[in-house]
Protein backbone atom coordinates (compact mmCIF):
# COMPACT_ATOMS: atom_id res chain seq x y z
CA MET A 1 -24.83 -20.01 -26.97
CA THR A 2 -21.94 -18.60 -24.92
CA VAL A 3 -22.23 -15.78 -22.43
CA TRP A 4 -20.46 -13.59 -24.98
CA ASP A 5 -23.23 -14.13 -27.55
CA ARG A 6 -26.19 -13.73 -25.21
CA PRO A 7 -27.46 -10.15 -24.89
CA GLU A 8 -28.14 -8.64 -21.50
CA PRO A 9 -31.79 -8.18 -20.51
CA PRO A 10 -33.24 -4.88 -21.79
CA ASN A 11 -34.62 -2.17 -19.50
CA PRO A 12 -34.02 -3.75 -16.07
CA PRO A 13 -36.18 -2.26 -13.29
CA VAL A 14 -33.06 -1.21 -11.37
CA PRO A 15 -29.81 -0.52 -13.25
CA LEU A 16 -27.61 -3.61 -13.13
CA ASP A 17 -25.22 -4.79 -15.81
CA ARG A 18 -22.50 -7.37 -16.28
CA GLU A 19 -19.75 -4.84 -15.65
CA GLN A 20 -21.11 -4.19 -12.14
CA ILE A 21 -21.55 -7.90 -11.51
CA ILE A 22 -18.02 -8.72 -12.64
CA ALA A 23 -16.51 -5.92 -10.56
CA ALA A 24 -18.34 -7.14 -7.46
CA ALA A 25 -17.34 -10.76 -8.11
CA ILE A 26 -13.67 -9.83 -8.56
CA ALA A 27 -13.71 -7.78 -5.34
CA LEU A 28 -15.21 -10.71 -3.44
CA ALA A 29 -12.74 -13.20 -4.95
CA ASP A 30 -9.82 -10.89 -4.14
CA GLU A 31 -11.00 -10.86 -0.53
CA GLY A 32 -11.86 -14.51 -0.05
CA GLY A 33 -11.05 -16.62 -3.09
CA LEU A 34 -13.36 -18.09 -5.71
CA GLU A 35 -15.67 -19.61 -3.10
CA ALA A 36 -16.49 -16.07 -1.99
CA ALA A 37 -17.68 -15.15 -5.50
CA SER A 38 -20.86 -17.22 -5.60
CA LEU A 39 -23.81 -15.72 -7.42
CA ARG A 40 -25.64 -15.42 -4.09
CA LYS A 41 -22.79 -13.48 -2.48
CA VAL A 42 -22.33 -11.29 -5.55
CA ALA A 43 -26.03 -10.47 -5.48
CA ALA A 44 -25.79 -9.56 -1.80
CA ARG A 45 -22.79 -7.29 -2.48
CA LEU A 46 -24.93 -5.49 -5.10
CA ASN A 47 -28.01 -5.39 -2.84
CA ALA A 48 -29.91 -7.37 -5.45
CA GLY A 49 -31.81 -10.64 -5.40
CA PRO A 50 -29.93 -13.66 -6.82
CA MET A 51 -32.55 -14.09 -9.54
CA ARG A 52 -31.66 -10.64 -10.85
CA LEU A 53 -28.21 -11.94 -11.76
CA TYR A 54 -29.54 -14.86 -13.78
CA GLY A 55 -30.79 -12.45 -16.43
CA HIS A 56 -27.15 -11.57 -17.06
CA ILE A 57 -25.25 -14.74 -16.10
CA SER A 58 -26.62 -18.29 -16.10
CA THR A 59 -23.93 -20.24 -14.20
CA LYS A 60 -20.96 -19.87 -11.89
CA ASP A 61 -18.68 -20.97 -14.74
CA GLU A 62 -19.95 -18.10 -16.88
CA LEU A 63 -19.21 -15.71 -14.03
CA PHE A 64 -15.66 -17.08 -13.75
CA ASP A 65 -15.19 -16.73 -17.53
CA LEU A 66 -16.22 -13.08 -17.32
CA MET A 67 -13.91 -12.48 -14.36
CA VAL A 68 -10.93 -14.00 -16.17
CA ASP A 69 -11.66 -11.91 -19.25
CA ALA A 70 -11.71 -8.77 -17.12
CA VAL A 71 -8.26 -9.65 -15.74
CA ASP A 72 -7.04 -10.45 -19.27
CA ALA A 73 -7.61 -6.75 -19.97
CA GLU A 74 -5.02 -6.02 -17.25
CA ILE A 75 -2.57 -8.46 -18.85
CA LEU A 76 -2.72 -6.96 -22.33
CA PRO A 77 0.12 -4.44 -22.78
CA ARG A 78 -0.82 -1.06 -24.22
CA GLU A 79 1.64 -1.58 -27.07
CA GLN A 80 2.71 -4.86 -28.59
CA PRO A 81 6.51 -5.28 -28.31
CA GLY A 82 8.14 -5.67 -31.71
CA ASP A 83 10.41 -8.57 -30.80
CA TRP A 84 8.81 -12.01 -30.32
CA ARG A 85 10.87 -12.82 -27.24
CA GLU A 86 10.11 -9.53 -25.57
CA ALA A 87 6.42 -9.95 -26.39
CA LEU A 88 6.18 -13.39 -24.74
CA HIS A 89 8.34 -12.15 -21.86
CA VAL A 90 6.05 -9.17 -21.24
CA HIS A 91 2.89 -11.28 -21.40
CA ALA A 92 4.34 -13.83 -18.96
CA HIS A 93 5.35 -11.23 -16.40
CA ARG A 94 2.09 -9.32 -16.72
CA THR A 95 0.21 -12.60 -16.14
CA ARG A 96 2.22 -13.24 -12.98
CA GLN A 97 1.62 -9.71 -11.74
CA ALA A 98 -2.12 -10.07 -12.39
CA ALA A 99 -2.17 -13.35 -10.45
CA LEU A 100 -0.43 -11.73 -7.49
CA ARG A 101 -3.15 -9.05 -7.49
CA HIS A 102 -5.91 -11.63 -7.99
CA GLU A 103 -4.71 -14.90 -6.44
CA TRP A 104 -7.86 -16.74 -7.51
CA LEU A 105 -6.66 -16.41 -11.11
CA ALA A 106 -4.13 -19.19 -10.41
CA ASP A 107 -7.04 -21.60 -9.87
CA LEU A 108 -8.46 -20.84 -13.32
CA LEU A 109 -5.28 -20.78 -15.41
CA GLY A 110 -4.56 -23.72 -17.68
CA GLY A 111 -8.12 -24.79 -18.40
CA ARG A 112 -10.09 -24.37 -21.58
CA PRO A 113 -9.18 -21.28 -23.62
CA THR A 114 -11.09 -18.17 -22.62
CA LEU A 115 -13.32 -16.91 -25.43
CA GLY A 116 -13.95 -13.38 -24.23
CA PRO A 117 -12.66 -10.43 -26.26
CA ASN A 118 -9.71 -9.78 -23.97
CA GLY A 119 -8.76 -13.45 -23.72
CA LEU A 120 -8.83 -13.78 -27.48
CA ALA A 121 -6.76 -10.59 -27.78
CA VAL A 122 -4.12 -12.05 -25.43
CA THR A 123 -3.87 -15.22 -27.54
CA GLU A 124 -3.82 -13.19 -30.75
CA ALA A 125 -0.98 -11.03 -29.46
CA LYS A 126 1.15 -14.04 -28.52
CA LEU A 127 0.60 -15.80 -31.83
CA ALA A 128 1.12 -12.57 -33.77
CA ALA A 129 4.51 -12.13 -32.09
CA LEU A 130 5.66 -15.34 -33.82
CA ASP A 131 4.06 -14.60 -37.18
CA GLY A 132 6.55 -15.11 -39.99
CA LEU A 133 9.12 -16.77 -37.73
CA ALA A 134 7.68 -20.28 -37.86
CA ASP A 135 4.84 -22.29 -39.35
CA ILE A 136 1.56 -22.06 -37.49
CA GLU A 137 1.94 -25.47 -35.78
CA THR A 138 5.32 -24.47 -34.37
CA ALA A 139 3.92 -21.12 -33.25
CA ILE A 140 1.00 -22.80 -31.47
CA ARG A 141 3.29 -25.29 -29.71
CA ALA A 142 5.64 -22.46 -28.70
CA VAL A 143 2.83 -20.43 -27.16
CA GLU A 144 1.45 -23.53 -25.41
CA THR A 145 4.88 -24.39 -24.00
CA VAL A 146 5.46 -20.90 -22.60
CA SER A 147 1.91 -20.80 -21.21
CA ALA A 148 2.38 -24.19 -19.51
CA TYR A 149 5.52 -22.93 -17.76
CA VAL A 150 3.85 -19.67 -16.72
CA THR A 151 0.79 -21.48 -15.37
CA GLY A 152 2.84 -23.99 -13.38
CA ALA A 153 5.19 -21.39 -11.93
CA ILE A 154 2.34 -19.09 -10.92
CA ARG A 155 0.37 -21.90 -9.30
CA ARG A 156 3.42 -22.96 -7.29
CA GLU A 157 4.10 -19.41 -6.14
CA ILE A 158 0.48 -18.78 -5.13
CA ALA A 159 0.34 -22.15 -3.34
CA ASN A 160 3.40 -21.16 -1.30
CA LEU A 161 1.85 -17.80 -0.42
CA ARG A 162 -1.34 -19.53 0.71
CA ALA A 163 0.67 -22.03 2.78
CA GLU A 164 2.49 -19.18 4.52
CA ARG A 165 -0.79 -17.57 5.47
CA ALA A 166 -2.38 -20.86 6.55
CA THR A 167 0.55 -21.89 8.77
CA GLY A 168 1.74 -18.47 9.84
CA LEU A 169 5.26 -19.52 8.84
CA SER A 170 7.36 -17.69 6.28
CA LYS A 171 9.45 -19.77 3.90
CA ARG A 172 12.51 -19.14 6.07
CA ASP A 173 10.62 -20.06 9.26
CA TRP A 174 9.32 -23.25 7.64
CA GLN A 175 12.85 -24.19 6.56
CA ARG A 176 14.13 -23.69 10.11
CA ALA A 177 11.28 -25.77 11.55
CA SER A 178 11.87 -28.55 9.01
CA GLY A 179 15.66 -28.39 9.26
CA PRO A 180 16.24 -31.17 11.83
CA HIS A 181 14.13 -33.65 9.86
CA VAL A 182 15.80 -32.79 6.56
CA THR A 183 19.26 -33.02 8.13
CA LYS A 184 18.44 -36.46 9.58
CA MET A 185 17.14 -37.75 6.25
CA LEU A 186 20.11 -36.43 4.25
CA ALA A 187 22.50 -38.04 6.73
CA THR A 188 21.22 -41.47 5.69
CA GLY A 189 23.09 -41.13 2.41
CA ARG A 190 20.02 -42.14 0.41
CA PHE A 191 19.65 -38.76 -1.29
CA PRO A 192 23.07 -37.67 -2.63
CA ALA A 193 21.75 -35.42 -5.39
CA LEU A 194 19.32 -33.72 -3.02
CA THR A 195 22.07 -33.31 -0.44
CA LYS A 196 24.22 -31.54 -3.00
CA ALA A 197 21.32 -29.27 -3.94
CA VAL A 198 20.58 -28.38 -0.32
CA HIS A 199 24.18 -27.62 0.57
CA SER A 200 25.43 -26.09 -2.68
CA GLY A 201 22.37 -24.76 -4.52
CA THR A 202 21.65 -21.06 -4.75
CA GLU A 203 18.30 -19.95 -3.37
CA MET A 204 16.29 -17.47 -5.46
CA ASP A 205 13.29 -15.39 -4.57
CA ALA A 206 10.05 -16.08 -6.44
CA GLU A 207 10.43 -13.28 -8.95
CA LYS A 208 13.99 -14.19 -9.94
CA SER A 209 13.12 -17.89 -10.11
CA PHE A 210 10.18 -17.11 -12.41
CA ALA A 211 12.32 -14.91 -14.65
CA THR A 212 15.13 -17.47 -14.87
CA GLY A 213 12.83 -20.34 -15.77
CA LEU A 214 11.05 -18.19 -18.32
CA ASP A 215 14.36 -17.28 -19.99
CA TRP A 216 15.26 -20.97 -20.26
CA VAL A 217 11.92 -21.77 -21.86
CA LEU A 218 12.28 -18.89 -24.31
CA ASP A 219 15.81 -20.10 -25.14
CA ALA A 220 14.32 -23.47 -26.05
CA VAL A 221 11.60 -21.85 -28.16
CA ALA A 222 14.27 -19.84 -29.98
CA THR A 223 15.95 -23.04 -31.18
CA LYS A 224 12.71 -24.10 -32.85
CA LEU A 225 12.25 -20.75 -34.54
CA THR A 226 15.79 -20.62 -35.95
CA ARG A 227 16.16 -24.27 -36.90
CA PRO A 228 16.52 -24.57 -40.71
CA PRO A 229 13.89 -26.64 -42.53
CA ALA A 230 14.73 -30.32 -43.00
């Protein structure tokens, strides 16, 4: 039985419900990452004994599932865009924005599908955007492909943000500090393609890089949706 199917305990001695538990867990995770959202720490935040929580949630994984589903509610747009490309574009950007608000989300993206009502609604909305434009297998692969890009790009961005905080160096400061080593290595002539990229490539900020990559992925999806049947 999943956490979604198991009812909460009736008539608790002191009011405590999953909504309160999830809110406390998300606040703790926002402050200190997933390790800060243990059942013991959540119970302490709520001034309750840890055993009180086990009537509502059995494991840490169940707690994480509930937290992700709560954030999925933030990702769902109020109105479903009519165009498939706009719909997938909106969902991708709203997922990135949610991850920037809740960095721990990046650690949970890309695993098993979430089965909560909001997670299922997110998947439904993405598949529904492609309804009638392709067979169901193509639609599933399209959604998976876009999701894989979004997950990878978000994880990279969050990893860079964490590295900046851990080292105290901004991206620009890190590049300056690493510059002499990179210059020495490129001067060996062993990395001609990389040399060209370093000297001639255009640097983008994280938001523009995410948007550009997403557009390229959606362009590729479009070719599968418009390709005539064999």
